[in-house]
């Protein structure tokens, strides 16, 4: 995978709700009704990540979930990150 330029990333992010480019990754914050709902979504997202063979950096505190995507092997954001962000967005939104 080839690392995308910051301009390309900015253009692609226009089509993604809640996602932003920060410190070499695309990231989004989500809030759920409670911990059970957050954890349920995380489980669903985990299976999708396995299907993509691409895994996020994420944190969960009670009902909040922060997801960061970049491709470590490429040293930045690639098409693979946007593909997974799209799948995550379809699960959550």
N, C-alpha and C. Protein backbone atom coordinates (compact mmCIF):
# COMPACT_ATOMS: atom_id res chain seq x y z
N UNK A 1 0.84 -1.19 0.00
CA UNK A 1 0.00 0.00 0.00
C UNK A 1 0.88 1.24 0.00
N UNK A 2 0.44 2.22 -0.77
CA UNK A 2 1.17 3.47 -0.88
C UNK A 2 0.55 4.53 0.04
N UNK A 3 1.39 5.24 0.75
CA UNK A 3 0.96 6.32 1.64
C UNK A 3 0.31 7.42 0.81
N UNK A 4 -0.85 7.91 1.26
CA UNK A 4 -1.56 8.97 0.57
C UNK A 4 -1.04 10.34 1.00
N UNK A 5 -1.13 11.31 0.09
CA UNK A 5 -0.72 12.68 0.41
C UNK A 5 -1.75 13.31 1.34
N UNK A 6 -1.34 14.33 2.05
CA UNK A 6 -2.25 15.02 2.96
C UNK A 6 -3.42 15.63 2.19
N UNK A 7 -3.17 16.10 0.99
CA UNK A 7 -4.24 16.67 0.15
C UNK A 7 -5.27 15.59 -0.20
N UNK A 8 -4.79 14.42 -0.61
CA UNK A 8 -5.69 13.31 -0.95
C UNK A 8 -6.49 12.89 0.27
N UNK A 9 -5.83 12.82 1.41
CA UNK A 9 -6.51 12.45 2.66
C UNK A 9 -7.62 13.45 2.96
N UNK A 10 -7.32 14.74 2.87
CA UNK A 10 -8.32 15.78 3.14
C UNK A 10 -9.51 15.67 2.19
N UNK A 11 -9.24 15.41 0.91
CA UNK A 11 -10.31 15.25 -0.07
C UNK A 11 -11.17 14.03 0.25
N UNK A 12 -10.55 12.94 0.61
CA UNK A 12 -11.29 11.71 0.93
C UNK A 12 -12.12 11.87 2.20
N UNK A 13 -11.61 12.61 3.17
CA UNK A 13 -12.31 12.78 4.44
C UNK A 13 -13.61 13.58 4.30
N UNK A 14 -13.75 14.32 3.21
CA UNK A 14 -14.99 15.08 2.99
C UNK A 14 -16.19 14.16 2.92
N UNK A 15 -15.98 12.89 2.58
CA UNK A 15 -17.08 11.93 2.44
C UNK A 15 -17.29 11.09 3.70
N UNK A 16 -16.54 11.38 4.76
CA UNK A 16 -16.60 10.59 5.97
C UNK A 16 -17.06 11.43 7.15
N UNK A 17 -18.21 11.03 7.73
CA UNK A 17 -18.69 11.70 8.93
C UNK A 17 -17.77 11.39 10.10
N UNK A 18 -17.51 12.38 10.91
CA UNK A 18 -16.79 12.25 12.18
C UNK A 18 -15.30 11.95 12.06
N UNK A 19 -14.80 11.64 10.91
CA UNK A 19 -13.38 11.30 10.77
C UNK A 19 -12.57 12.54 10.47
N UNK A 20 -11.35 12.59 11.05
CA UNK A 20 -10.44 13.70 10.79
C UNK A 20 -9.02 13.16 10.70
N UNK A 21 -8.16 13.95 10.10
CA UNK A 21 -6.75 13.57 9.98
C UNK A 21 -5.99 14.25 11.11
N UNK A 22 -5.25 13.45 11.88
CA UNK A 22 -4.51 14.01 13.01
C UNK A 22 -3.28 13.15 13.29
N UNK A 23 -2.14 13.77 13.36
CA UNK A 23 -0.90 13.09 13.74
C UNK A 23 -0.65 11.80 12.94
N UNK A 24 -0.81 11.89 11.62
CA UNK A 24 -0.46 10.77 10.75
C UNK A 24 -1.47 9.64 10.69
N UNK A 25 -2.70 9.90 11.15
CA UNK A 25 -3.74 8.86 11.11
C UNK A 25 -5.09 9.53 10.90
N UNK A 26 -6.07 8.73 10.47
CA UNK A 26 -7.44 9.22 10.46
C UNK A 26 -8.10 8.67 11.72
N UNK A 27 -8.90 9.50 12.36
CA UNK A 27 -9.50 9.08 13.62
C UNK A 27 -10.92 9.60 13.76
N UNK A 28 -11.67 8.90 14.60
CA UNK A 28 -13.05 9.29 14.87
C UNK A 28 -13.40 8.92 16.30
N UNK A 29 -14.30 9.69 16.88
CA UNK A 29 -14.81 9.45 18.22
C UNK A 29 -16.30 9.14 18.12
N UNK A 30 -16.73 8.13 18.85
CA UNK A 30 -18.12 7.72 18.85
C UNK A 30 -18.60 7.58 20.29
N UNK A 31 -19.86 7.92 20.52
CA UNK A 31 -20.46 7.79 21.84
C UNK A 31 -21.71 6.93 21.72
N UNK A 32 -21.87 6.03 22.67
CA UNK A 32 -22.99 5.10 22.66
C UNK A 32 -23.84 5.26 23.92
N UNK A 33 -24.94 4.56 23.97
CA UNK A 33 -25.88 4.65 25.10
C UNK A 33 -25.21 4.23 26.40
N UNK A 34 -24.42 3.16 26.35
CA UNK A 34 -23.78 2.64 27.56
C UNK A 34 -22.60 1.75 27.15
N UNK A 35 -21.94 1.17 28.15
CA UNK A 35 -20.78 0.32 27.90
C UNK A 35 -21.15 -0.91 27.07
N UNK A 36 -22.28 -1.50 27.36
CA UNK A 36 -22.70 -2.70 26.63
C UNK A 36 -22.81 -2.42 25.13
N UNK A 37 -23.41 -1.31 24.78
CA UNK A 37 -23.55 -0.97 23.37
C UNK A 37 -22.18 -0.68 22.75
N UNK A 38 -21.34 0.04 23.46
CA UNK A 38 -20.00 0.34 22.94
C UNK A 38 -19.22 -0.95 22.70
N UNK A 39 -19.27 -1.85 23.66
CA UNK A 39 -18.52 -3.10 23.55
C UNK A 39 -19.09 -3.98 22.44
N UNK A 40 -20.39 -3.97 22.29
CA UNK A 40 -21.03 -4.74 21.21
C UNK A 40 -20.55 -4.24 19.84
N UNK A 41 -20.52 -2.92 19.67
CA UNK A 41 -20.03 -2.35 18.42
C UNK A 41 -18.56 -2.70 18.22
N UNK A 42 -17.77 -2.61 19.29
CA UNK A 42 -16.35 -2.95 19.17
C UNK A 42 -16.17 -4.40 18.71
N UNK A 43 -16.99 -5.29 19.20
CA UNK A 43 -16.91 -6.69 18.79
C UNK A 43 -17.22 -6.83 17.31
N UNK A 44 -18.27 -6.15 16.87
CA UNK A 44 -18.64 -6.19 15.45
C UNK A 44 -17.51 -5.61 14.59
N UNK A 45 -16.97 -4.48 15.02
CA UNK A 45 -15.86 -3.85 14.29
C UNK A 45 -14.64 -4.78 14.28
N UNK A 46 -14.37 -5.47 15.38
CA UNK A 46 -13.22 -6.37 15.45
C UNK A 46 -13.30 -7.46 14.38
N UNK A 47 -14.48 -8.02 14.17
CA UNK A 47 -14.64 -9.03 13.13
C UNK A 47 -14.42 -8.44 11.74
N UNK A 48 -14.87 -7.22 11.54
CA UNK A 48 -14.66 -6.54 10.26
C UNK A 48 -13.16 -6.28 10.04
N UNK A 49 -12.47 -5.89 11.10
CA UNK A 49 -11.02 -5.65 11.00
C UNK A 49 -10.29 -6.93 10.61
N UNK A 50 -10.69 -8.03 11.20
CA UNK A 50 -10.09 -9.32 10.84
C UNK A 50 -10.33 -9.64 9.37
N UNK A 51 -11.53 -9.36 8.89
CA UNK A 51 -11.86 -9.61 7.48
C UNK A 51 -10.98 -8.77 6.55
N UNK A 52 -10.64 -7.57 7.00
CA UNK A 52 -9.78 -6.67 6.21
C UNK A 52 -8.29 -6.95 6.45
N UNK A 53 -8.01 -7.77 7.46
CA UNK A 53 -6.63 -7.98 7.90
C UNK A 53 -5.93 -6.65 8.17
N UNK A 54 -6.65 -5.80 8.88
CA UNK A 54 -6.15 -4.46 9.20
C UNK A 54 -6.75 -4.09 10.56
N UNK A 55 -5.94 -3.62 11.47
CA UNK A 55 -6.38 -3.47 12.85
C UNK A 55 -6.14 -2.05 13.36
N UNK A 56 -7.15 -1.47 13.99
CA UNK A 56 -7.05 -0.08 14.45
C UNK A 56 -6.32 0.04 15.79
N UNK A 57 -5.91 1.25 16.07
CA UNK A 57 -5.56 1.63 17.43
C UNK A 57 -6.86 2.20 17.97
N UNK A 58 -7.31 1.69 19.10
CA UNK A 58 -8.56 2.21 19.64
C UNK A 58 -8.54 2.22 21.15
N UNK A 59 -9.37 3.10 21.70
CA UNK A 59 -9.54 3.16 23.14
C UNK A 59 -11.03 3.22 23.44
N UNK A 60 -11.38 2.63 24.57
CA UNK A 60 -12.76 2.61 25.01
C UNK A 60 -12.80 2.99 26.48
N UNK A 61 -13.62 3.96 26.80
CA UNK A 61 -13.91 4.31 28.18
C UNK A 61 -15.42 4.39 28.30
N UNK A 62 -15.97 3.51 29.10
CA UNK A 62 -17.40 3.37 29.33
C UNK A 62 -18.17 3.37 28.01
N UNK A 63 -18.81 4.48 27.62
CA UNK A 63 -19.65 4.49 26.42
C UNK A 63 -19.00 5.19 25.23
N UNK A 64 -17.72 5.49 25.33
CA UNK A 64 -17.03 6.18 24.24
C UNK A 64 -16.00 5.27 23.59
N UNK A 65 -15.82 5.49 22.31
CA UNK A 65 -14.86 4.72 21.51
C UNK A 65 -14.12 5.66 20.59
N UNK A 66 -12.80 5.61 20.65
CA UNK A 66 -11.95 6.40 19.74
C UNK A 66 -11.20 5.41 18.87
N UNK A 67 -11.28 5.61 17.56
CA UNK A 67 -10.61 4.72 16.60
C UNK A 67 -9.63 5.53 15.77
N UNK A 68 -8.39 5.02 15.66
CA UNK A 68 -7.34 5.64 14.83
C UNK A 68 -6.87 4.61 13.82
N UNK A 69 -6.77 5.04 12.57
CA UNK A 69 -6.32 4.15 11.51
C UNK A 69 -5.14 4.74 10.76
N UNK A 70 -4.12 3.95 10.60
CA UNK A 70 -3.03 4.23 9.67
C UNK A 70 -2.38 2.89 9.34
N UNK A 71 -1.59 2.89 8.29
CA UNK A 71 -0.93 1.67 7.86
C UNK A 71 0.53 1.77 8.28
N UNK A 72 0.88 1.06 9.33
CA UNK A 72 2.22 1.18 9.89
C UNK A 72 3.30 0.85 8.86
N UNK A 73 3.08 -0.16 8.04
CA UNK A 73 4.08 -0.56 7.04
C UNK A 73 4.35 0.55 6.02
N UNK A 74 3.34 1.39 5.75
CA UNK A 74 3.49 2.47 4.77
C UNK A 74 3.90 3.77 5.44
N UNK A 75 3.84 3.82 6.75
CA UNK A 75 4.22 5.05 7.47
C UNK A 75 3.19 6.15 7.39
N UNK A 76 1.93 5.79 7.21
CA UNK A 76 0.88 6.81 7.15
C UNK A 76 -0.44 6.22 6.71
N UNK A 77 -1.30 7.09 6.22
CA UNK A 77 -2.65 6.69 5.81
C UNK A 77 -2.62 6.20 4.37
N UNK A 78 -3.28 5.07 4.15
CA UNK A 78 -3.36 4.47 2.81
C UNK A 78 -4.83 4.21 2.46
N UNK A 79 -5.03 3.72 1.25
CA UNK A 79 -6.37 3.35 0.81
C UNK A 79 -6.97 2.30 1.74
N UNK A 80 -6.14 1.42 2.26
CA UNK A 80 -6.60 0.38 3.18
C UNK A 80 -7.30 0.98 4.40
N UNK A 81 -6.79 2.09 4.89
CA UNK A 81 -7.39 2.76 6.04
C UNK A 81 -8.77 3.32 5.70
N UNK A 82 -8.91 3.89 4.52
CA UNK A 82 -10.20 4.41 4.11
C UNK A 82 -11.20 3.29 3.86
N UNK A 83 -10.75 2.18 3.35
CA UNK A 83 -11.65 1.04 3.16
C UNK A 83 -12.20 0.56 4.51
N UNK A 84 -11.32 0.45 5.50
CA UNK A 84 -11.76 0.01 6.82
C UNK A 84 -12.63 1.09 7.48
N UNK A 85 -12.28 2.35 7.34
CA UNK A 85 -13.10 3.43 7.91
C UNK A 85 -14.51 3.39 7.32
N UNK A 86 -14.61 3.13 6.05
CA UNK A 86 -15.92 3.02 5.40
C UNK A 86 -16.73 1.87 6.02
N UNK A 87 -16.10 0.75 6.19
CA UNK A 87 -16.78 -0.40 6.80
C UNK A 87 -17.20 -0.10 8.24
N UNK A 88 -16.32 0.54 8.99
CA UNK A 88 -16.64 0.91 10.38
C UNK A 88 -17.82 1.88 10.41
N UNK A 89 -17.79 2.84 9.53
CA UNK A 89 -18.87 3.81 9.47
C UNK A 89 -20.20 3.12 9.16
N UNK A 90 -20.18 2.15 8.27
CA UNK A 90 -21.41 1.40 7.95
C UNK A 90 -21.93 0.63 9.16
N UNK A 91 -21.04 0.15 9.99
CA UNK A 91 -21.45 -0.57 11.21
C UNK A 91 -22.02 0.38 12.24
N UNK A 92 -21.37 1.50 12.45
CA UNK A 92 -21.73 2.39 13.55
C UNK A 92 -22.86 3.36 13.20
N UNK A 93 -22.81 3.90 12.00
CA UNK A 93 -23.80 4.94 11.66
C UNK A 93 -24.95 4.31 10.98
